[in-house]
Amino acid sequence: MDAGASRAVDTNGSPVTPGRRLRRLPPSIRRLGDGVKGSGLAGGSRRALTQAVAWRGVICHSLTMAIRLDHTIVPSRDREAAAEFFAQIFGLDRTPGGYFAQVQVNESLTLDFDDRNPPRQSLHYAFHVSDTEFDEIWSRVKARGVAFGSGPHDPANGLTYTRRGGRGVYFADPDGHLLEIMTVPETGS
């Protein structure tokens, strides 16, 4: 950091580090929003304050950090077989070696299949996919003869569902975990 650059600090005077969430913006930063006359910024909004911080040259990469799931352990009776089934159905690659049988789902999520504690109950894993991915995954499910269905309580009725303008289907993996693919996310916008 440049020796002459301003630093954002919290109400105790501690530096604000990237990803650290502030419950309340420090008074010095709150005042910045009020001092940006003629800039088109409303002094009271968080966005205006963030813009005011940038406008005043205060270096602060982020006041909040996005939380995302990095990995989860999927209990299985045979970790290699479970990971292979998932990777083949979803058209993904296995991550070689390691303590778990891993499948990289996307740039931020890995499923770690583990057979040291076999599953005691069925778990549910839902995946938002594109229309093209849905068609590809569903065709692989049908080609392998895996039962599928339109709901979590009837995952073998041979039907898909439509909800919120999208399609979805449920099917079970070899350990009985209920997998769901859907073209419109259940959460978010």
Protein backbone atom coordinates (compact mmCIF):
# COMPACT_ATOMS: atom_id res chain seq x y z
CA MET A 1 0.00 0.00 0.00
CA ASP A 2 1.26 3.48 -0.89
CA ALA A 3 2.52 5.30 2.22
CA GLY A 4 0.41 8.37 1.41
CA ALA A 5 -2.80 6.44 0.72
CA SER A 6 -5.74 6.65 3.09
CA ARG A 7 -6.75 3.55 5.04
CA ALA A 8 -10.24 2.54 6.08
CA VAL A 9 -10.50 1.74 9.79
CA ASP A 10 -13.28 0.42 11.99
CA THR A 11 -14.74 2.24 15.00
CA ASN A 12 -11.87 0.94 17.18
CA GLY A 13 -9.25 2.28 14.80
CA SER A 14 -8.32 -1.17 13.46
CA PRO A 15 -7.65 -1.41 9.71
CA VAL A 16 -10.51 -2.75 7.61
CA THR A 17 -9.19 -5.81 5.77
CA PRO A 18 -10.68 -7.22 2.55
CA GLY A 19 -13.56 -9.57 3.30
CA ARG A 20 -14.05 -8.32 6.86
CA ARG A 21 -17.68 -7.47 7.47
CA LEU A 22 -18.50 -4.28 9.35
CA ARG A 23 -21.68 -4.22 11.40
CA ARG A 24 -21.66 -0.46 11.14
CA LEU A 25 -19.58 1.79 8.93
CA PRO A 26 -17.06 3.91 10.85
CA PRO A 27 -18.12 7.53 11.48
CA SER A 28 -15.32 8.83 9.24
CA ILE A 29 -16.67 6.80 6.31
CA ARG A 30 -20.33 7.61 7.10
CA ARG A 31 -19.45 11.33 6.96
CA LEU A 32 -17.92 10.86 3.51
CA GLY A 33 -21.37 10.19 2.09
CA ASP A 34 -22.56 13.55 3.38
CA GLY A 35 -19.64 15.41 1.87
CA VAL A 36 -20.19 14.38 -1.73
CA LYS A 37 -22.37 17.28 -2.80
CA GLY A 38 -23.30 17.48 -6.46
CA SER A 39 -22.09 13.95 -7.20
CA GLY A 40 -25.58 12.49 -7.52
CA LEU A 41 -25.03 10.33 -4.45
CA ALA A 42 -27.60 10.18 -1.69
CA GLY A 43 -25.61 10.50 1.54
CA GLY A 44 -27.52 7.89 3.52
CA SER A 45 -27.39 4.77 1.34
CA ARG A 46 -24.76 2.02 1.69
CA ARG A 47 -24.10 2.24 -2.06
CA ALA A 48 -23.57 5.98 -1.80
CA LEU A 49 -21.21 5.47 1.12
CA THR A 50 -19.28 2.81 -0.75
CA GLN A 51 -19.02 5.13 -3.74
CA ALA A 52 -18.05 7.99 -1.44
CA VAL A 53 -15.30 5.85 0.06
CA ALA A 54 -13.97 5.17 -3.43
CA TRP A 55 -14.46 8.84 -4.35
CA ARG A 56 -12.34 9.98 -1.39
CA GLY A 57 -9.57 7.55 -2.31
CA VAL A 58 -9.94 5.31 0.71
CA ILE A 59 -8.60 1.88 -0.16
CA CYS A 60 -11.03 -0.80 0.94
CA HIS A 61 -11.48 -3.82 -1.33
CA SER A 62 -14.72 -5.07 0.18
CA LEU A 63 -16.85 -4.41 3.22
CA THR A 64 -18.49 -7.83 2.99
CA MET A 65 -17.45 -11.29 1.82
CA ALA A 66 -19.64 -13.58 -0.22
CA ILE A 67 -20.11 -16.93 1.51
CA ARG A 68 -20.18 -20.00 -0.71
CA LEU A 69 -20.01 -23.73 -0.18
CA ASP A 70 -16.53 -25.02 -1.02
CA HIS A 71 -16.97 -28.78 -0.52
CA THR A 72 -19.19 -31.26 1.25
CA ILE A 73 -18.74 -34.87 2.25
CA VAL A 74 -21.15 -37.33 0.66
CA PRO A 75 -21.41 -40.53 2.74
CA SER A 76 -21.37 -43.68 0.62
CA ARG A 77 -20.94 -47.44 0.91
CA ASP A 78 -18.34 -47.45 -1.89
CA ARG A 79 -16.77 -44.03 -2.42
CA GLU A 80 -15.17 -44.87 -5.77
CA ALA A 81 -18.40 -46.27 -7.26
CA ALA A 82 -20.47 -43.36 -5.90
CA ALA A 83 -18.08 -40.74 -7.28
CA GLU A 84 -17.92 -42.53 -10.64
CA PHE A 85 -21.74 -42.68 -10.87
CA PHE A 86 -22.07 -38.97 -10.08
CA ALA A 87 -19.29 -37.94 -12.48
CA GLN A 88 -20.71 -40.02 -15.35
CA ILE A 89 -24.33 -38.88 -14.87
CA PHE A 90 -23.37 -35.20 -14.59
CA GLY A 91 -20.68 -35.34 -17.29
CA LEU A 92 -17.93 -34.24 -14.91
CA ASP A 93 -14.35 -35.26 -14.25
CA ARG A 94 -13.08 -37.03 -11.16
CA THR A 95 -10.30 -35.43 -9.15
CA PRO A 96 -7.57 -38.09 -8.88
CA GLY A 97 -6.15 -39.36 -5.59
CA GLY A 98 -6.65 -37.89 -2.19
CA TYR A 99 -8.34 -38.88 1.04
CA PHE A 100 -11.80 -38.82 -0.59
CA ALA A 101 -13.10 -39.79 -4.02
CA GLN A 102 -13.68 -36.27 -5.33
CA VAL A 103 -15.76 -34.80 -8.13
CA GLN A 104 -15.26 -31.15 -9.06
CA VAL A 105 -18.80 -29.83 -9.69
CA ASN A 106 -17.80 -26.29 -10.69
CA GLU A 107 -15.04 -23.75 -9.98
CA SER A 108 -16.06 -23.47 -6.32
CA LEU A 109 -17.63 -26.80 -5.27
CA THR A 110 -16.19 -30.27 -4.79
CA LEU A 111 -18.16 -33.31 -3.65
CA ASP A 112 -16.00 -35.53 -1.44
CA PHE A 113 -17.33 -39.10 -1.40
CA ASP A 114 -16.41 -41.00 1.76
CA ASP A 115 -17.09 -44.62 2.70
CA ARG A 116 -15.62 -44.65 6.21
CA ASN A 117 -19.04 -43.77 7.66
CA PRO A 118 -21.67 -45.31 5.36
CA PRO A 119 -24.92 -43.37 4.93
CA ARG A 120 -27.55 -43.83 7.63
CA GLN A 121 -30.16 -41.81 5.78
CA SER A 122 -30.83 -40.44 2.34
CA LEU A 123 -29.62 -36.87 1.74
CA HIS A 124 -30.85 -34.42 -0.89
CA TYR A 125 -28.52 -32.59 -3.29
CA ALA A 126 -30.09 -30.11 -5.75
CA PHE A 127 -28.25 -28.63 -8.73
CA HIS A 128 -29.22 -25.66 -10.90
CA VAL A 129 -28.26 -26.49 -14.50
CA SER A 130 -28.81 -24.94 -17.92
CA ASP A 131 -31.49 -26.32 -20.27
CA THR A 132 -28.77 -28.01 -22.35
CA GLU A 133 -27.15 -29.57 -19.27
CA PHE A 134 -30.58 -30.71 -18.06
CA ASP A 135 -31.22 -32.54 -21.36
CA GLU A 136 -27.75 -34.14 -21.30
CA ILE A 137 -27.97 -35.28 -17.66
CA TRP A 138 -31.53 -36.53 -18.00
CA SER A 139 -30.62 -38.51 -21.12
CA ARG A 140 -27.75 -40.19 -19.22
CA VAL A 141 -30.12 -40.99 -16.31
CA LYS A 142 -32.59 -42.63 -18.71
CA ALA A 143 -29.82 -44.45 -20.66
CA ARG A 144 -28.55 -46.05 -17.44
CA GLY A 145 -32.06 -47.14 -16.48
CA VAL A 146 -32.07 -45.02 -13.32
CA ALA A 147 -35.59 -44.42 -11.98
CA PHE A 148 -36.61 -40.74 -11.95
CA GLY A 149 -39.58 -38.74 -10.80
CA SER A 150 -41.25 -35.40 -10.34
CA GLY A 151 -41.01 -35.01 -6.58
CA PRO A 152 -38.97 -35.85 -3.51
CA HIS A 153 -41.69 -38.12 -2.17
CA ASP A 154 -42.21 -39.89 -5.51
CA PRO A 155 -38.78 -39.95 -7.22
CA ALA A 156 -39.59 -42.98 -9.38
CA ASN A 157 -42.90 -42.03 -11.03
CA GLY A 158 -41.25 -41.53 -14.45
CA LEU A 159 -42.28 -37.85 -14.65
CA THR A 160 -40.47 -34.51 -14.60
CA TYR A 161 -41.82 -31.35 -13.01
CA THR A 162 -42.32 -27.78 -14.20
CA ARG A 163 -42.04 -24.98 -11.68
CA ARG A 164 -41.34 -21.23 -11.90
CA GLY A 165 -40.99 -21.52 -15.67
CA GLY A 166 -38.36 -24.26 -15.58
CA ARG A 167 -38.01 -28.04 -15.56
CA GLY A 168 -36.71 -30.43 -12.96
CA VAL A 169 -36.37 -34.09 -12.08
CA TYR A 170 -35.35 -36.20 -9.08
CA PHE A 171 -33.39 -39.47 -9.11
CA ALA A 172 -31.43 -41.50 -6.58
CA ASP A 173 -27.77 -42.42 -6.60
CA PRO A 174 -26.61 -45.96 -5.67
CA ASP A 175 -26.55 -45.00 -1.96
CA GLY A 176 -30.12 -43.71 -2.03
CA HIS A 177 -29.23 -40.01 -1.93
CA LEU A 178 -31.84 -37.99 -3.78
CA LEU A 179 -30.33 -35.90 -6.58
CA GLU A 180 -32.30 -33.10 -8.23
CA ILE A 181 -31.53 -31.12 -11.37
CA MET A 182 -33.52 -27.98 -12.16
CA THR A 183 -33.33 -25.31 -14.82
CA VAL A 184 -34.59 -22.47 -12.59
CA PRO A 185 -32.94 -21.99 -9.20
CA GLU A 186 -34.97 -22.56 -6.05
CA THR A 187 -33.31 -19.63 -4.32
CA GLY A 188 -32.06 -16.21 -5.29
CA SER A 189 -33.46 -14.00 -8.01
